[in-house]
PDB file of N, CA and C in Angstrom:
ATOM      1  N   MET A   1     -94.976   9.621  24.752  1.00  0.00           N
ATOM      2  CA  MET A   1     -96.104   9.003  23.893  1.00  0.00           C
ATOM      3  C   MET A   1     -95.941   7.606  23.915  1.00  0.00           C
ATOM      4  N   ALA A   2     -96.995   6.916  23.956  1.00  0.00           N
ATOM      5  CA  ALA A   2     -97.066   5.286  24.040  1.00  0.00           C
ATOM      6  C   ALA A   2     -96.483   4.785  22.739  1.00  0.00           C
ATOM      7  N   LYS A   3     -95.893   3.626  22.814  1.00  0.00           N
ATOM      8  CA  LYS A   3     -95.439   2.728  21.683  1.00  0.00           C
ATOM      9  C   LYS A   3     -96.704   1.995  21.126  1.00  0.00           C
ATOM     10  N   ILE A   4     -96.949   2.221  19.856  1.00  0.00           N
ATOM     11  CA  ILE A   4     -98.149   1.651  19.155  1.00  0.00           C
ATOM     12  C   ILE A   4     -97.718   0.314  18.541  1.00  0.00           C
ATOM     13  N   LYS A   5     -98.480  -0.727  18.719  1.00  0.00           N
ATOM     14  CA  LYS A   5     -98.260  -1.999  18.052  1.00  0.00           C
ATOM     15  C   LYS A   5     -98.944  -1.848  16.588  1.00  0.00           C
ATOM     16  N   LYS A   6     -99.141  -2.866  15.965  1.00  0.00           N
ATOM     17  CA  LYS A   6     -99.771  -2.802  14.683  1.00  0.00           C
ATOM     18  C   LYS A   6    -101.058  -2.072  14.893  1.00  0.00           C
ATOM     19  N   MET A   7    -101.224  -1.189  13.780  1.00  0.00           N
ATOM     20  CA  MET A   7    -102.617  -0.387  13.880  1.00  0.00           C
ATOM     21  C   MET A   7    -103.725  -1.088  14.019  1.00  0.00           C
ATOM     22  N   CYS A   8    -103.796  -2.344  13.397  1.00  0.00           N
ATOM     23  CA  CYS A   8    -105.089  -3.070  13.414  1.00  0.00           C
ATOM     24  C   CYS A   8    -105.402  -3.487  14.843  1.00  0.00           C
ATOM     25  N   LYS A   9    -104.356  -3.855  15.648  1.00  0.00           N
ATOM     26  CA  LYS A   9    -104.594  -4.336  17.003  1.00  0.00           C
ATOM     27  C   LYS A   9    -104.849  -3.187  17.831  1.00  0.00           C
ATOM     28  N   ALA A  10    -104.174  -2.233  17.607  1.00  0.00           N
ATOM     29  CA  ALA A  10    -104.280  -0.730  18.337  1.00  0.00           C
ATOM     30  C   ALA A  10    -105.645  -0.283  18.326  1.00  0.00           C
ATOM     31  N   ALA A  11    -106.299  -0.344  17.144  1.00  0.00           N
ATOM     32  CA  ALA A  11    -107.619   0.319  16.901  1.00  0.00           C
ATOM     33  C   ALA A  11    -108.575  -0.558  17.632  1.00  0.00           C
ATOM     34  N   LYS A  12    -108.476  -1.920  17.644  1.00  0.00           N
ATOM     35  CA  LYS A  12    -109.316  -2.679  18.493  1.00  0.00           C
ATOM     36  C   LYS A  12    -109.234  -2.673  20.032  1.00  0.00           C
ATOM     37  N   ASP A  13    -107.927  -2.598  20.459  1.00  0.00           N
ATOM     38  CA  ASP A  13    -107.673  -2.829  21.861  1.00  0.00           C
ATOM     39  C   ASP A  13    -107.335  -1.659  22.803  1.00  0.00           C
ATOM     40  N   ASP A  14    -106.418  -0.915  21.964  1.00  0.00           N
ATOM     41  CA  ASP A  14    -105.786   0.302  22.949  1.00  0.00           C
ATOM     42  C   ASP A  14    -106.030   1.706  22.478  1.00  0.00           C
ATOM     43  N   PHE A  15    -107.194   1.896  21.738  1.00  0.00           N
ATOM     44  CA  PHE A  15    -107.539   3.289  21.168  1.00  0.00           C
ATOM     45  C   PHE A  15    -107.523   4.335  22.231  1.00  0.00           C
ATOM     46  N   LYS A  16    -108.098   4.038  23.382  1.00  0.00           N
ATOM     47  CA  LYS A  16    -108.459   5.066  24.459  1.00  0.00           C
ATOM     48  C   LYS A  16    -106.995   5.327  25.029  1.00  0.00           C
ATOM     49  N   GLU A  17    -106.182   4.261  25.449  1.00  0.00           N
ATOM     50  CA  GLU A  17    -104.693   4.484  25.917  1.00  0.00           C
ATOM     51  C   GLU A  17    -103.825   5.139  25.038  1.00  0.00           C
ATOM     52  N   ASN A  18    -103.989   4.968  23.779  1.00  0.00           N
ATOM     53  CA  ASN A  18    -102.911   5.494  22.699  1.00  0.00           C
ATOM     54  C   ASN A  18    -103.632   6.484  21.772  1.00  0.00           C
ATOM     55  N   GLU A  19    -104.765   7.049  22.075  1.00  0.00           N
ATOM     56  CA  GLU A  19    -105.417   8.045  21.119  1.00  0.00           C
ATOM     57  C   GLU A  19    -104.570   9.066  20.453  1.00  0.00           C
ATOM     58  N   ALA A  20    -103.782   9.632  21.251  1.00  0.00           N
ATOM     59  CA  ALA A  20    -102.930  10.919  20.761  1.00  0.00           C
ATOM     60  C   ALA A  20    -101.928  10.247  19.726  1.00  0.00           C
ATOM     61  N   ALA A  21    -101.172   9.213  20.130  1.00  0.00           N
ATOM     62  CA  ALA A  21    -100.326   8.504  19.323  1.00  0.00           C
ATOM     63  C   ALA A  21    -100.830   7.945  17.988  1.00  0.00           C
ATOM     64  N   ILE A  22    -101.996   7.383  18.036  1.00  0.00           N
ATOM     65  CA  ILE A  22    -102.782   6.998  16.935  1.00  0.00           C
ATOM     66  C   ILE A  22    -103.037   8.171  15.881  1.00  0.00           C
ATOM     67  N   ILE A  23    -103.657   9.118  16.465  1.00  0.00           N
ATOM     68  CA  ILE A  23    -104.078  10.346  15.760  1.00  0.00           C
ATOM     69  C   ILE A  23    -102.831  10.802  15.028  1.00  0.00           C
ATOM     70  N   GLU A  24    -101.761  11.043  15.708  1.00  0.00           N
ATOM     71  CA  GLU A  24    -100.489  11.624  15.046  1.00  0.00           C
ATOM     72  C   GLU A  24    -100.074  10.660  13.904  1.00  0.00           C
ATOM     73  N   GLU A  25    -100.011   9.364  14.148  1.00  0.00           N
ATOM     74  CA  GLU A  25     -99.583   8.419  13.033  1.00  0.00           C
ATOM     75  C   GLU A  25    -100.499   8.448  11.891  1.00  0.00           C
ATOM     76  N   VAL A  26    -101.837   8.555  11.970  1.00  0.00           N
ATOM     77  CA  VAL A  26    -102.625   8.617  10.786  1.00  0.00           C
ATOM     78  C   VAL A  26    -102.717   9.965  10.107  1.00  0.00           C
ATOM     79  N   SER A  27    -102.569  11.062  10.820  1.00  0.00           N
ATOM     80  CA  SER A  27    -102.667  12.391  10.221  1.00  0.00           C
ATOM     81  C   SER A  27    -101.617  12.563   9.141  1.00  0.00           C
ATOM     82  N   SER A  28    -100.427  11.910   9.133  1.00  0.00           N
ATOM     83  CA  SER A  28     -99.459  12.155   8.121  1.00  0.00           C
ATOM     84  C   SER A  28     -99.101  10.703   7.354  1.00  0.00           C
ATOM     85  N   ALA A  29    -100.311   9.969   7.073  1.00  0.00           N
ATOM     86  CA  ALA A  29    -100.192   8.737   6.504  1.00  0.00           C
ATOM     87  C   ALA A  29     -99.486   8.667   5.018  1.00  0.00           C
ATOM     88  N   LYS A  30     -98.584   7.681   4.989  1.00  0.00           N
ATOM     89  CA  LYS A  30     -98.026   7.487   3.728  1.00  0.00           C
ATOM     90  C   LYS A  30     -98.178   6.109   3.154  1.00  0.00           C
ATOM     91  N   TYR A  31     -98.751   5.415   4.018  1.00  0.00           N
ATOM     92  CA  TYR A  31     -99.156   3.845   3.811  1.00  0.00           C
ATOM     93  C   TYR A  31    -100.583   3.513   3.907  1.00  0.00           C
ATOM     94  N   ILE A  32    -101.040   2.412   3.206  1.00  0.00           N
ATOM     95  CA  ILE A  32    -102.408   1.949   3.496  1.00  0.00           C
ATOM     96  C   ILE A  32    -102.186   0.424   3.558  1.00  0.00           C
ATOM     97  N   CYS A  33    -103.059  -0.111   4.580  1.00  0.00           N
ATOM     98  CA  CYS A  33    -102.969  -1.588   4.687  1.00  0.00           C
ATOM     99  C   CYS A  33    -103.792  -2.248   3.522  1.00  0.00           C
ATOM    100  N   ARG A  34    -103.244  -3.306   2.832  1.00  0.00           N
ATOM    101  CA  ARG A  34    -104.136  -3.866   1.829  1.00  0.00           C
ATOM    102  C   ARG A  34    -105.087  -4.820   2.411  1.00  0.00           C
ATOM    103  N   LYS A  35    -104.846  -5.181   3.706  1.00  0.00           N
ATOM    104  CA  LYS A  35    -105.728  -6.143   4.429  1.00  0.00           C
ATOM    105  C   LYS A  35    -106.811  -5.345   5.054  1.00  0.00           C
ATOM    106  N   CYS A  36    -106.703  -4.503   5.859  1.00  0.00           N
ATOM    107  CA  CYS A  36    -107.519  -3.816   6.716  1.00  0.00           C
ATOM    108  C   CYS A  36    -107.908  -2.361   6.327  1.00  0.00           C
ATOM    109  N   LEU A  37    -107.312  -1.775   5.495  1.00  0.00           N
ATOM    110  CA  LEU A  37    -107.454  -0.423   5.046  1.00  0.00           C
ATOM    111  C   LEU A  37    -107.086   0.645   6.026  1.00  0.00           C
ATOM    112  N   ARG A  38    -106.450   0.375   7.184  1.00  0.00           N
ATOM    113  CA  ARG A  38    -106.042   1.337   7.831  1.00  0.00           C
ATOM    114  C   ARG A  38    -104.695   2.145   7.430  1.00  0.00           C
ATOM    115  N   THR A  39    -104.430   3.251   7.859  1.00  0.00           N
ATOM    116  CA  THR A  39    -103.326   3.902   7.310  1.00  0.00           C
ATOM    117  C   THR A  39    -102.373   4.210   8.366  1.00  0.00           C
ATOM    118  N   ALA A  40    -101.171   4.651   8.119  1.00  0.00           N
ATOM    119  CA  ALA A  40    -100.077   5.014   8.934  1.00  0.00           C
ATOM    120  C   ALA A  40     -98.920   5.694   8.223  1.00  0.00           C
ATOM    121  N   SER A  41     -98.046   6.392   8.935  1.00  0.00           N
ATOM    122  CA  SER A  41     -96.951   6.933   8.362  1.00  0.00           C
ATOM    123  C   SER A  41     -95.654   6.050   8.368  1.00  0.00           C
ATOM    124  N   ASN A  42     -95.824   5.004   9.094  1.00  0.00           N
ATOM    125  CA  ASN A  42     -94.667   4.012   9.369  1.00  0.00           C
ATOM    126  C   ASN A  42     -95.320   2.661   8.917  1.00  0.00           C
ATOM    127  N   LYS A  43     -94.732   2.230   7.878  1.00  0.00           N
ATOM    128  CA  LYS A  43     -95.227   1.003   7.226  1.00  0.00           C
ATOM    129  C   LYS A  43     -95.134  -0.336   8.178  1.00  0.00           C
ATOM    130  N   LYS A  44     -94.327  -0.183   9.212  1.00  0.00           N
ATOM    131  CA  LYS A  44     -94.109  -1.352  10.049  1.00  0.00           C
ATOM    132  C   LYS A  44     -95.249  -1.548  11.051  1.00  0.00           C
ATOM    133  N   LEU A  45     -96.144  -0.365  10.967  1.00  0.00           N
ATOM    134  CA  LEU A  45     -97.309  -0.513  11.863  1.00  0.00           C
ATOM    135  C   LEU A  45     -98.521  -1.325  11.193  1.00  0.00           C
ATOM    136  N   LEU A  46     -98.406  -1.700   9.906  1.00  0.00           N
ATOM    137  CA  LEU A  46     -99.487  -2.200   9.124  1.00  0.00           C
ATOM    138  C   LEU A  46     -99.348  -3.562   8.737  1.00  0.00           C
ATOM    139  N   CYS A  47    -100.380  -4.373   8.643  1.00  0.00           N
ATOM    140  CA  CYS A  47    -100.219  -5.869   8.292  1.00  0.00           C
ATOM    141  C   CYS A  47     -99.634  -6.025   6.820  1.00  0.00           C
ATOM    142  N   ASP A  48    -100.150  -5.324   5.872  1.00  0.00           N
ATOM    143  CA  ASP A  48     -99.747  -5.512   4.438  1.00  0.00           C
ATOM    144  C   ASP A  48     -99.797  -4.191   3.870  1.00  0.00           C
ATOM    145  N   PRO A  49     -98.670  -3.360   4.217  1.00  0.00           N
ATOM    146  CA  PRO A  49     -98.536  -2.028   3.677  1.00  0.00           C
ATOM    147  C   PRO A  49     -98.466  -1.842   2.233  1.00  0.00           C
ATOM    148  N   LYS A  50     -98.893  -0.790   1.723  1.00  0.00           N
ATOM    149  CA  LYS A  50     -98.680  -0.345   0.399  1.00  0.00           C
ATOM    150  C   LYS A  50     -98.494   1.152   0.359  1.00  0.00           C
ATOM    151  N   LYS A  51     -97.529   1.691  -0.322  1.00  0.00           N
ATOM    152  CA  LYS A  51     -97.297   3.246  -0.206  1.00  0.00           C
ATOM    153  C   LYS A  51     -98.441   3.961  -1.187  1.00  0.00           C
ATOM    154  N   ILE A  52     -98.869   4.920  -0.427  1.00  0.00           N
ATOM    155  CA  ILE A  52     -99.909   5.759  -1.060  1.00  0.00           C
ATOM    156  C   ILE A  52     -99.264   6.593  -2.059  1.00  0.00           C
ATOM    157  N   THR A  53     -99.794   6.614  -3.259  1.00  0.00           N
ATOM    158  CA  THR A  53     -99.279   7.538  -4.309  1.00  0.00           C
ATOM    159  C   THR A  53    -100.407   8.313  -4.926  1.00  0.00           C
ATOM    160  N   SER A  54     -99.944   9.394  -5.390  1.00  0.00           N
ATOM    161  CA  SER A  54    -101.101  10.263  -6.012  1.00  0.00           C
ATOM    162  C   SER A  54    -101.202  10.211  -7.569  1.00  0.00           C
ATOM    163  N   GLU A  55    -101.265   8.982  -8.012  1.00  0.00           N
ATOM    164  CA  GLU A  55    -101.286   8.764  -9.367  1.00  0.00           C
ATOM    165  C   GLU A  55    -102.696   8.951  -9.857  1.00  0.00           C
TER     166      GLU A  55
END
């Protein structure tokens, strides 16, 4: 599976090449980016991550 850079950049530039990896990453999202509202399970993939809580 391909290595994903920041989700913001991957969504714009590399979606077709990394579609499977991106789908896997967002399907188990634990974080949301406060800047662009994208989600990921790894906070290092987001610009300004915030943990998703069920409050």
